[in-house]
Amino acid sequence: METQSEVWLRLGVFVAVLAVLAIAERLRPRRVRSEPIARRWATNLSIVAADSLLVRIMASLPVPLAAITAAHFASVQGWGLFNAVELPVWLEVALAVVVLDFAIWLQHLASHKIPALWRLHQVHHADRDIDVTTAIRFHPVEIGLSMVWKIAWVLLLGAPAVAVVLFEVILNACAMFSHANLRLPERVDRVLRKFIVTPDMHRVHHSVLRHEHESNYGFNLSVWDRLFRTYTAQPENGHENMRIGLESYQDSSPSRLGWSLSLPFKSLPNQGEKAQTLAQKRT
């Protein structure tokens, strides 16, 4: 079972990274906001509170549905690749973190390609002002499915419990960093994105343009998008002028909590008609 020290470690890192990036965004913003920050943050933080409650419920079930519990179970039962071969602990941890990162990249790709999953994932993409809180704006049902997906990979690998905790800490921190509305020096961005996903790299993924948001799926390691040819270096309209969010919802609706939570269950708009209407409004 997950220990209190593990819970407090993850919470402490989460709060610290969120606070540091929130301050950094105010000091060096990349884009001008289009929505009031108080309403957006209230909605996004309320969503993450609902997500956290769901995860705690899943972890407390008679058959716990939590990745860390799956790691302990795999160790006891001798399940998974790492329990079948002899490897140094440090190598098992390193390999587990890398493979789990690929699993999340693959899940993200599937969230764009499978219509039922896209219905859930569009809650994340509907946010029109990408910033540190966008990183935690995921529908609770998507979070639940993501946990089940991680459990499957943890059991398959027989990943050590320490690797799972480390992976989740790194993933949360890197996701908040890659979503931050933060202006990095160009040289720094150019070097960092060779290894990890930077804010400018991931912002492209949140473009309203389909060919851009169908790229740069990574949250942590940038290698997967380069390897599978889903990498786009820069948005065609530039970072200051690109439009963020979904073409069909370019209004204040995504900043409302009830609207956001109910979005997956709404009828999908006719994209052609909606785009034509928006184009007419802009002209």
Protein backbone atom coordinates (compact mmCIF):
# COMPACT_ATOMS: atom_id res chain seq x y z
CA MET A 1 0.00 0.00 0.00
CA GLU A 2 1.03 3.58 -0.55
CA THR A 3 2.68 5.04 2.57
CA GLN A 4 2.00 8.46 4.04
CA SER A 5 5.58 9.48 3.28
CA GLU A 6 5.02 8.77 -0.41
CA VAL A 7 1.80 10.78 -0.40
CA TRP A 8 3.43 13.77 1.31
CA LEU A 9 6.46 13.58 -0.97
CA ARG A 10 4.35 13.81 -4.10
CA LEU A 11 2.11 16.51 -2.63
CA GLY A 12 5.07 18.55 -1.44
CA VAL A 13 6.81 18.44 -4.83
CA PHE A 14 3.54 19.23 -6.60
CA VAL A 15 2.82 22.33 -4.48
CA ALA A 16 6.43 23.55 -4.69
CA VAL A 17 6.66 23.20 -8.48
CA LEU A 18 3.22 24.76 -8.96
CA ALA A 19 4.17 27.76 -6.82
CA VAL A 20 7.57 28.29 -8.46
CA LEU A 21 6.16 28.08 -12.00
CA ALA A 22 3.19 30.31 -11.15
CA ILE A 23 5.61 33.00 -9.97
CA ALA A 24 7.87 32.49 -12.99
CA GLU A 25 4.88 32.90 -15.31
CA ARG A 26 4.08 36.26 -13.78
CA LEU A 27 7.70 37.43 -14.09
CA ARG A 28 8.38 36.13 -17.62
CA PRO A 29 5.06 35.44 -19.41
CA ARG A 30 5.19 34.08 -22.96
CA ARG A 31 1.67 35.14 -23.97
CA VAL A 32 -0.95 37.66 -22.92
CA ARG A 33 -3.89 35.95 -21.19
CA SER A 34 -7.32 36.06 -22.82
CA GLU A 35 -9.36 34.91 -19.80
CA PRO A 36 -9.50 36.17 -16.19
CA ILE A 37 -6.94 34.17 -14.23
CA ALA A 38 -9.06 33.82 -11.06
CA ARG A 39 -11.95 32.07 -12.82
CA ARG A 40 -9.67 29.79 -14.87
CA TRP A 41 -7.58 28.80 -11.89
CA ALA A 42 -10.67 28.16 -9.75
CA THR A 43 -12.00 25.82 -12.44
CA ASN A 44 -8.71 24.04 -13.14
CA LEU A 45 -7.83 23.57 -9.47
CA SER A 46 -11.36 22.33 -8.74
CA ILE A 47 -10.93 19.73 -11.47
CA VAL A 48 -7.63 18.53 -10.00
CA ALA A 49 -9.30 18.33 -6.56
CA ALA A 50 -11.96 16.05 -8.06
CA ASP A 51 -9.22 14.02 -9.78
CA SER A 52 -7.30 13.63 -6.50
CA LEU A 53 -10.42 12.48 -4.67
CA LEU A 54 -11.09 9.87 -7.34
CA VAL A 55 -7.50 8.57 -7.16
CA ARG A 56 -7.70 8.30 -3.35
CA ILE A 57 -10.97 6.36 -3.66
CA MET A 58 -9.41 4.02 -6.24
CA ALA A 59 -6.44 3.46 -3.94
CA SER A 60 -8.70 2.57 -0.99
CA LEU A 61 -10.88 0.00 -2.77
CA PRO A 62 -10.83 -3.64 -1.52
CA VAL A 63 -8.74 -4.35 -4.64
CA PRO A 64 -6.75 -1.09 -4.76
CA LEU A 65 -6.49 0.57 -8.17
CA ALA A 66 -3.28 2.54 -7.73
CA ALA A 67 0.04 2.27 -9.57
CA ILE A 68 2.14 2.18 -6.39
CA THR A 69 0.00 -0.64 -4.98
CA ALA A 70 0.41 -2.54 -8.24
CA ALA A 71 4.20 -2.21 -7.89
CA HIS A 72 4.12 -3.70 -4.38
CA PHE A 73 1.78 -6.49 -5.55
CA ALA A 74 4.02 -7.34 -8.54
CA SER A 75 7.04 -7.55 -6.22
CA VAL A 76 5.28 -9.92 -3.80
CA GLN A 77 3.88 -12.12 -6.57
CA GLY A 78 7.04 -12.08 -8.67
CA TRP A 79 5.18 -10.69 -11.68
CA GLY A 80 6.68 -8.70 -14.50
CA LEU A 81 9.88 -8.45 -16.49
CA PHE A 82 12.11 -7.05 -13.75
CA ASN A 83 11.10 -9.80 -11.35
CA ALA A 84 12.10 -12.41 -13.93
CA VAL A 85 15.60 -11.09 -14.66
CA GLU A 86 18.46 -9.98 -12.45
CA LEU A 87 19.32 -6.33 -12.95
CA PRO A 88 20.89 -3.72 -10.67
CA VAL A 89 18.22 -1.75 -8.83
CA TRP A 90 19.40 1.56 -10.32
CA LEU A 91 19.03 0.14 -13.84
CA GLU A 92 15.55 -1.22 -13.12
CA VAL A 93 14.48 2.19 -11.81
CA ALA A 94 15.95 4.04 -14.79
CA LEU A 95 14.41 1.65 -17.34
CA ALA A 96 11.03 1.71 -15.59
CA VAL A 97 10.91 5.53 -15.62
CA VAL A 98 11.75 5.64 -19.35
CA VAL A 99 9.29 2.89 -20.32
CA LEU A 100 6.48 4.40 -18.24
CA ASP A 101 7.13 7.75 -19.91
CA PHE A 102 6.69 6.07 -23.29
CA ALA A 103 3.46 4.47 -22.01
CA ILE A 104 2.08 7.92 -21.15
CA TRP A 105 3.15 9.24 -24.57
CA LEU A 106 1.32 6.32 -26.19
CA GLN A 107 -1.77 6.94 -24.07
CA HIS A 108 -1.73 10.60 -25.08
CA LEU A 109 -1.52 9.64 -28.75
CA ALA A 110 -4.47 7.26 -28.31
CA SER A 111 -6.45 10.04 -26.63
CA HIS A 112 -6.30 11.98 -29.89
CA LYS A 113 -6.94 9.05 -32.22
CA ILE A 114 -9.78 7.17 -30.47
CA PRO A 115 -13.07 9.16 -30.52
CA ALA A 116 -14.31 7.98 -27.10
CA LEU A 117 -11.02 8.95 -25.47
CA TRP A 118 -10.92 12.27 -27.34
CA ARG A 119 -14.29 13.20 -25.82
CA LEU A 120 -12.61 13.07 -22.41
CA HIS A 121 -9.29 14.54 -23.48
CA GLN A 122 -10.84 17.61 -25.09
CA VAL A 123 -11.50 18.95 -21.58
CA HIS A 124 -7.74 19.43 -21.32
CA HIS A 125 -7.45 21.02 -24.76
CA ALA A 126 -10.41 23.36 -24.37
CA ASP A 127 -8.43 25.64 -22.03
CA ARG A 128 -7.74 28.83 -24.01
CA ASP A 129 -4.90 30.13 -21.82
CA ILE A 130 -2.35 27.37 -21.47
CA ASP A 131 -0.41 27.75 -18.22
CA VAL A 132 0.82 25.70 -15.27
CA THR A 133 -2.76 24.80 -14.22
CA THR A 134 -3.59 23.41 -17.67
CA ALA A 135 -1.22 20.56 -16.84
CA ILE A 136 -3.64 19.31 -14.19
CA ARG A 137 -6.87 20.01 -16.07
CA PHE A 138 -8.00 16.48 -16.96
CA HIS A 139 -11.50 15.05 -16.67
CA PRO A 140 -11.79 12.66 -13.68
CA VAL A 141 -12.89 9.80 -15.94
CA GLU A 142 -9.73 10.27 -18.03
CA ILE A 143 -7.63 10.26 -14.86
CA GLY A 144 -9.27 7.01 -13.76
CA LEU A 145 -8.58 5.35 -17.11
CA SER A 146 -5.02 6.67 -17.05
CA MET A 147 -4.45 5.04 -13.67
CA VAL A 148 -5.67 1.68 -14.97
CA TRP A 149 -3.35 2.06 -17.97
CA LYS A 150 -0.37 2.77 -15.69
CA ILE A 151 -1.23 -0.22 -13.49
CA ALA A 152 -1.14 -2.51 -16.53
CA TRP A 153 2.34 -1.29 -17.45
CA VAL A 154 3.60 -1.49 -13.87
CA LEU A 155 2.45 -5.11 -13.63
CA LEU A 156 3.92 -5.94 -17.04
CA LEU A 157 7.28 -4.47 -16.07
CA GLY A 158 7.28 -5.52 -12.44
CA ALA A 159 8.46 -1.96 -11.84
CA PRO A 160 9.98 -1.27 -8.41
CA ALA A 161 7.76 0.82 -6.13
CA VAL A 162 10.46 3.49 -5.86
CA ALA A 163 10.49 3.79 -9.66
CA VAL A 164 6.74 4.34 -9.76
CA VAL A 165 6.89 7.08 -7.12
CA LEU A 166 9.85 8.71 -8.87
CA PHE A 167 8.11 8.52 -12.24
CA GLU A 168 4.91 10.13 -10.99
CA VAL A 169 6.85 12.94 -9.28
CA ILE A 170 8.86 13.59 -12.45
CA LEU A 171 5.81 13.35 -14.72
CA ASN A 172 3.78 15.84 -12.67
CA ALA A 173 6.67 18.30 -12.42
CA CYS A 174 7.55 18.07 -16.12
CA ALA A 175 3.90 18.35 -17.19
CA MET A 176 3.53 21.58 -15.20
CA PHE A 177 6.79 22.90 -16.65
CA SER A 178 5.86 22.03 -20.25
CA HIS A 179 2.45 23.73 -19.91
CA ALA A 180 3.77 26.86 -18.22
CA ASN A 181 3.16 30.24 -19.83
CA LEU A 182 6.87 30.87 -19.46
CA ARG A 183 9.32 32.63 -21.74
CA LEU A 184 12.65 30.80 -21.75
CA PRO A 185 15.77 32.25 -23.40
CA GLU A 186 15.95 30.87 -26.93
CA ARG A 187 19.30 29.18 -26.35
CA VAL A 188 18.04 27.49 -23.19
CA ASP A 189 14.92 26.25 -24.95
CA ARG A 190 16.97 24.93 -27.87
CA VAL A 191 19.22 22.89 -25.58
CA LEU A 192 16.51 21.65 -23.20
CA ARG A 193 14.16 20.40 -25.90
CA LYS A 194 16.81 17.98 -27.12
CA PHE A 195 16.09 16.04 -23.93
CA ILE A 196 12.83 17.19 -22.32
CA VAL A 197 9.65 18.90 -23.47
CA THR A 198 9.81 22.68 -23.06
CA PRO A 199 6.88 25.11 -22.79
CA ASP A 200 7.42 26.37 -26.36
CA MET A 201 7.55 22.80 -27.67
CA HIS A 202 4.38 21.63 -25.95
CA ARG A 203 2.44 24.84 -26.60
CA VAL A 204 2.35 23.87 -30.27
CA HIS A 205 0.29 20.84 -29.24
CA HIS A 206 -2.42 23.15 -27.86
CA SER A 207 -2.89 25.06 -31.11
CA VAL A 208 -6.36 25.23 -32.66
CA LEU A 209 -4.76 24.08 -35.92
CA ARG A 210 -5.24 20.35 -36.26
CA HIS A 211 -1.87 19.58 -37.86
CA GLU A 212 -0.21 21.29 -34.89
CA HIS A 213 -2.24 19.76 -32.07
CA GLU A 214 -1.68 16.35 -33.67
CA SER A 215 2.02 16.69 -32.79
CA ASN A 216 4.32 17.07 -29.75
CA TYR A 217 2.50 14.57 -27.52
CA GLY A 218 5.25 14.28 -24.94
CA PHE A 219 5.04 15.64 -21.39
CA ASN A 220 8.53 14.72 -20.21
CA LEU A 221 11.03 13.19 -22.65
CA SER A 222 11.11 14.77 -26.10
CA VAL A 223 12.62 11.72 -27.80
CA TRP A 224 9.32 9.97 -28.52
CA ASP A 225 7.96 12.70 -30.81
CA ARG A 226 11.23 12.84 -32.71
CA LEU A 227 11.42 9.06 -32.96
CA PHE A 228 7.84 8.61 -34.21
CA ARG A 229 7.86 11.73 -36.40
CA THR A 230 5.21 13.64 -34.50
CA TYR A 231 7.52 16.56 -33.74
CA THR A 232 6.75 20.13 -34.77
CA ALA A 233 9.40 22.69 -33.89
CA GLN A 234 7.37 25.92 -33.87
CA PRO A 235 3.77 27.07 -34.51
CA GLU A 236 3.27 28.57 -37.95
CA ASN A 237 1.71 31.77 -36.51
CA GLY A 238 4.31 32.25 -33.78
CA HIS A 239 3.81 31.77 -30.06
CA GLU A 240 2.37 35.23 -29.39
CA ASN A 241 -0.15 35.11 -32.26
CA MET A 242 -1.18 31.44 -32.28
CA ARG A 243 -4.65 30.62 -30.99
CA ILE A 244 -4.89 28.12 -28.12
CA GLY A 245 -7.70 25.69 -27.35
CA LEU A 246 -10.31 24.13 -29.61
CA GLU A 247 -11.74 25.89 -32.66
CA SER A 248 -15.29 25.08 -31.58
CA TYR A 249 -14.98 26.62 -28.12
CA GLN A 250 -13.27 29.99 -28.56
CA ASP A 251 -15.29 31.71 -25.85
CA SER A 252 -15.38 31.82 -22.04
CA SER A 253 -17.16 28.45 -21.64
CA PRO A 254 -14.01 26.38 -20.94
CA SER A 255 -13.25 28.51 -17.87
CA ARG A 256 -16.49 27.33 -16.20
CA LEU A 257 -16.35 24.22 -14.00
CA GLY A 258 -19.77 22.74 -14.82
CA TRP A 259 -19.28 23.23 -18.55
CA SER A 260 -15.85 21.61 -18.45
CA LEU A 261 -16.96 18.53 -16.52
CA SER A 262 -19.97 18.01 -18.79
CA LEU A 263 -18.09 18.59 -22.05
CA PRO A 264 -17.43 14.88 -22.82
CA PHE A 265 -21.16 14.19 -22.71
CA LYS A 266 -22.20 17.00 -25.06
CA SER A 267 -22.96 16.44 -28.72
CA LEU A 268 -19.87 16.99 -30.81
CA PRO A 269 -20.23 20.18 -32.88
CA ASN A 270 -20.23 20.16 -36.64
CA GLN A 271 -16.66 21.30 -37.08
CA GLY A 272 -17.15 22.62 -40.60
CA GLU A 273 -20.14 24.77 -39.76
CA LYS A 274 -18.60 25.98 -36.52
CA ALA A 275 -15.34 26.94 -38.20
CA GLN A 276 -17.24 28.80 -40.93
CA THR A 277 -19.27 30.72 -38.34
CA LEU A 278 -16.15 31.70 -36.40
CA ALA A 279 -14.43 32.79 -39.59
CA GLN A 280 -17.37 34.99 -40.46
CA LYS A 281 -17.31 36.57 -37.00
CA ARG A 282 -13.61 37.37 -37.32
CA THR A 283 -14.15 39.05 -40.69
